[in-house]
C-alpha atoms as a PDB file:
ATOM      1  CA  UNK A   1      11.082   6.100   8.389  1.00  0.00           C
ATOM      2  CA  UNK A   2       9.538   3.190  10.208  1.00  0.00           C
ATOM      3  CA  UNK A   3      12.383   1.079  11.614  1.00  0.00           C
ATOM      4  CA  UNK A   4      10.534  -2.033  10.806  1.00  0.00           C
ATOM      5  CA  UNK A   5      10.751  -1.208   7.169  1.00  0.00           C
ATOM      6  CA  UNK A   6      14.254   0.198   7.108  1.00  0.00           C
ATOM      7  CA  UNK A   7      15.935  -2.737   5.164  1.00  0.00           C
ATOM      8  CA  UNK A   8      13.210  -2.821   2.489  1.00  0.00           C
ATOM      9  CA  UNK A   9      13.058   0.913   2.049  1.00  0.00           C
ATOM     10  CA  UNK A  10      16.903   1.316   2.090  1.00  0.00           C
ATOM     11  CA  UNK A  11      17.351  -1.203  -0.722  1.00  0.00           C
ATOM     12  CA  UNK A  12      15.390   1.176  -3.052  1.00  0.00           C
ATOM     13  CA  UNK A  13      16.480   4.264  -4.906  1.00  0.00           C
ATOM     14  CA  UNK A  14      15.775   7.454  -3.173  1.00  0.00           C
ATOM     15  CA  UNK A  15      12.694   8.476  -5.338  1.00  0.00           C
ATOM     16  CA  UNK A  16      11.150   4.979  -4.943  1.00  0.00           C
ATOM     17  CA  UNK A  17      12.013   5.030  -1.070  1.00  0.00           C
ATOM     18  CA  UNK A  18      10.079   8.401  -0.911  1.00  0.00           C
ATOM     19  CA  UNK A  19       7.142   6.762  -2.555  1.00  0.00           C
ATOM     20  CA  UNK A  20       7.102   3.968  -0.127  1.00  0.00           C
ATOM     21  CA  UNK A  21       7.301   6.370   2.832  1.00  0.00           C
ATOM     22  CA  UNK A  22       4.329   8.314   1.535  1.00  0.00           C
ATOM     23  CA  UNK A  23       2.241   5.047   1.377  1.00  0.00           C
ATOM     24  CA  UNK A  24       3.515   4.270   4.970  1.00  0.00           C
ATOM     25  CA  UNK A  25       2.461   7.687   6.154  1.00  0.00           C
ATOM     26  CA  UNK A  26      -1.059   7.424   4.663  1.00  0.00           C
ATOM     27  CA  UNK A  27      -1.522   4.071   6.422  1.00  0.00           C
ATOM     28  CA  UNK A  28      -0.324   5.409   9.728  1.00  0.00           C
ATOM     29  CA  UNK A  29      -2.583   8.488   9.433  1.00  0.00           C
ATOM     30  CA  UNK A  30      -5.734   6.680   8.382  1.00  0.00           C
ATOM     31  CA  UNK A  31      -5.377   3.680  10.803  1.00  0.00           C
ATOM     32  CA  UNK A  32      -3.251   5.200  13.714  1.00  0.00           C
ATOM     33  CA  UNK A  33      -3.638   1.897  15.790  1.00  0.00           C
ATOM     34  CA  UNK A  34      -1.967  -0.212  12.919  1.00  0.00           C
ATOM     35  CA  UNK A  35       1.318  -1.913  13.707  1.00  0.00           C
ATOM     36  CA  UNK A  36       4.063  -2.088  11.198  1.00  0.00           C
ATOM     37  CA  UNK A  37       5.433  -5.587  10.379  1.00  0.00           C
ATOM     38  CA  UNK A  38       6.987  -7.607   7.593  1.00  0.00           C
ATOM     39  CA  UNK A  39       4.974 -10.392   5.952  1.00  0.00           C
ATOM     40  CA  UNK A  40       5.679 -12.255   2.716  1.00  0.00           C
ATOM     41  CA  UNK A  41       9.000 -10.307   2.840  1.00  0.00           C
ATOM     42  CA  UNK A  42       7.112  -7.057   2.328  1.00  0.00           C
ATOM     43  CA  UNK A  43       6.231  -4.095   4.439  1.00  0.00           C
ATOM     44  CA  UNK A  44       2.771  -4.603   5.987  1.00  0.00           C
ATOM     45  CA  UNK A  45       0.388  -3.276   8.559  1.00  0.00           C
ATOM     46  CA  UNK A  46      -1.842  -5.129  11.026  1.00  0.00           C
ATOM     47  CA  UNK A  47      -4.839  -3.973  13.078  1.00  0.00           C
ATOM     48  CA  UNK A  48      -6.197  -7.278  14.316  1.00  0.00           C
ATOM     49  CA  UNK A  49      -4.933  -9.051  11.240  1.00  0.00           C
ATOM     50  CA  UNK A  50      -2.697  -7.903   8.520  1.00  0.00           C
ATOM     51  CA  UNK A  51      -4.799  -5.682   6.204  1.00  0.00           C
ATOM     52  CA  UNK A  52      -2.253  -4.250   3.703  1.00  0.00           C
ATOM     53  CA  UNK A  53       1.029  -5.274   2.145  1.00  0.00           C
ATOM     54  CA  UNK A  54       3.059  -3.031  -0.238  1.00  0.00           C
ATOM     55  CA  UNK A  55       6.363  -3.287  -1.976  1.00  0.00           C
ATOM     56  CA  UNK A  56       8.480  -1.793  -4.666  1.00  0.00           C
ATOM     57  CA  UNK A  57       9.126  -3.593  -7.904  1.00  0.00           C
ATOM     58  CA  UNK A  58      11.129  -2.679 -11.001  1.00  0.00           C
ATOM     59  CA  UNK A  59       8.401  -0.608 -12.587  1.00  0.00           C
ATOM     60  CA  UNK A  60       5.765  -0.082  -9.954  1.00  0.00           C
ATOM     61  CA  UNK A  61       4.704  -0.207  -6.321  1.00  0.00           C
ATOM     62  CA  UNK A  62       2.217  -3.018  -5.609  1.00  0.00           C
ATOM     63  CA  UNK A  63      -0.534  -2.840  -2.938  1.00  0.00           C
ATOM     64  CA  UNK A  64      -2.048  -6.069  -1.708  1.00  0.00           C
ATOM     65  CA  UNK A  65      -4.575  -7.834  -1.021  1.00  0.00           C
ATOM     66  CA  UNK A  66      -7.195  -6.963  -3.512  1.00  0.00           C
ATOM     67  CA  UNK A  67      -9.924  -4.453  -2.655  1.00  0.00           C
ATOM     68  CA  UNK A  68     -13.393  -6.004  -3.130  1.00  0.00           C
ATOM     69  CA  UNK A  69     -15.637  -2.952  -2.963  1.00  0.00           C
ATOM     70  CA  UNK A  70     -17.450  -0.596  -2.889  1.00  0.00           C
ATOM     71  CA  UNK A  71     -18.269  -0.288  -6.638  1.00  0.00           C
ATOM     72  CA  UNK A  72     -17.245   3.388  -6.829  1.00  0.00           C
ATOM     73  CA  UNK A  73     -13.902   2.639  -5.399  1.00  0.00           C
ATOM     74  CA  UNK A  74     -13.362  -0.327  -7.722  1.00  0.00           C
ATOM     75  CA  UNK A  75     -14.271   1.938 -10.646  1.00  0.00           C
ATOM     76  CA  UNK A  76     -11.729   4.527  -9.622  1.00  0.00           C
ATOM     77  CA  UNK A  77      -9.124   1.782  -9.133  1.00  0.00           C
ATOM     78  CA  UNK A  78      -9.730   0.172 -12.494  1.00  0.00           C
ATOM     79  CA  UNK A  79      -6.650   1.735 -14.222  1.00  0.00           C
ATOM     80  CA  UNK A  80      -4.441   0.286 -11.398  1.00  0.00           C
ATOM     81  CA  UNK A  81      -5.863  -3.136 -10.982  1.00  0.00           C
ATOM     82  CA  UNK A  82      -4.035  -6.247 -12.175  1.00  0.00           C
ATOM     83  CA  UNK A  83      -5.723  -9.476 -13.317  1.00  0.00           C
ATOM     84  CA  UNK A  84      -6.016 -10.658  -9.778  1.00  0.00           C
ATOM     85  CA  UNK A  85      -7.156  -7.357  -8.397  1.00  0.00           C
ATOM     86  CA  UNK A  86      -3.905  -6.356  -6.848  1.00  0.00           C
ATOM     87  CA  UNK A  87      -3.016  -2.694  -7.397  1.00  0.00           C
ATOM     88  CA  UNK A  88       0.025  -1.511  -9.296  1.00  0.00           C
ATOM     89  CA  UNK A  89       1.176   2.129  -9.264  1.00  0.00           C
ATOM     90  CA  UNK A  90       3.742   2.760 -11.966  1.00  0.00           C
ATOM     91  CA  UNK A  91       6.908   4.659 -10.891  1.00  0.00           C
ATOM     92  CA  UNK A  92       6.581   7.005 -13.852  1.00  0.00           C
ATOM     93  CA  UNK A  93       3.180   8.336 -12.669  1.00  0.00           C
ATOM     94  CA  UNK A  94       2.412  10.420  -9.557  1.00  0.00           C
ATOM     95  CA  UNK A  95       1.011   8.395  -6.605  1.00  0.00           C
ATOM     96  CA  UNK A  96      -2.747   9.043  -6.242  1.00  0.00           C
ATOM     97  CA  UNK A  97      -2.526   9.611  -2.522  1.00  0.00           C
ATOM     98  CA  UNK A  98      -6.283  10.366  -2.101  1.00  0.00           C
ATOM     99  CA  UNK A  99      -7.117   7.155  -3.885  1.00  0.00           C
ATOM    100  CA  UNK A 100      -4.569   5.195  -1.779  1.00  0.00           C
ATOM    101  CA  UNK A 101      -6.155   6.664   1.339  1.00  0.00           C
ATOM    102  CA  UNK A 102      -9.548   5.289   0.251  1.00  0.00           C
ATOM    103  CA  UNK A 103      -7.854   1.895  -0.487  1.00  0.00           C
ATOM    104  CA  UNK A 104      -6.280   1.903   3.040  1.00  0.00           C
ATOM    105  CA  UNK A 105      -9.639   2.667   4.601  1.00  0.00           C
ATOM    106  CA  UNK A 106     -11.297  -0.139   2.652  1.00  0.00           C
ATOM    107  CA  UNK A 107      -8.654  -2.745   3.309  1.00  0.00           C
ATOM    108  CA  UNK A 108      -8.707  -2.056   7.021  1.00  0.00           C
ATOM    109  CA  UNK A 109     -12.456  -2.388   6.966  1.00  0.00           C
ATOM    110  CA  UNK A 110     -12.234  -5.576   4.826  1.00  0.00           C
ATOM    111  CA  UNK A 111      -9.278  -7.374   6.520  1.00  0.00           C
ATOM    112  CA  UNK A 112      -8.385  -5.531   9.715  1.00  0.00           C
END
């Protein structure tokens, strides 16, 4: 587990902690130059700037900021997008890691 995130991760139940670790591993694999940090009291990664935040909530894991394209990715994300475009992945569903990988790639391109 990334030491920067240990307090946030350890505050979660084991199943949710494992989900957070999976997202962290995806980010670190897709953007190996990314640096872990905490921002807005959430785990985050920066390349040149912070490009992704993620956090556990009561019923879901949220990923921020909103993805703005491309259209095929937005279509695939439609079931997970909230009213402001932020992503919510319910705890009672498997994490779509392939889709999250595409999100990480796009956010790094958009914001990183």
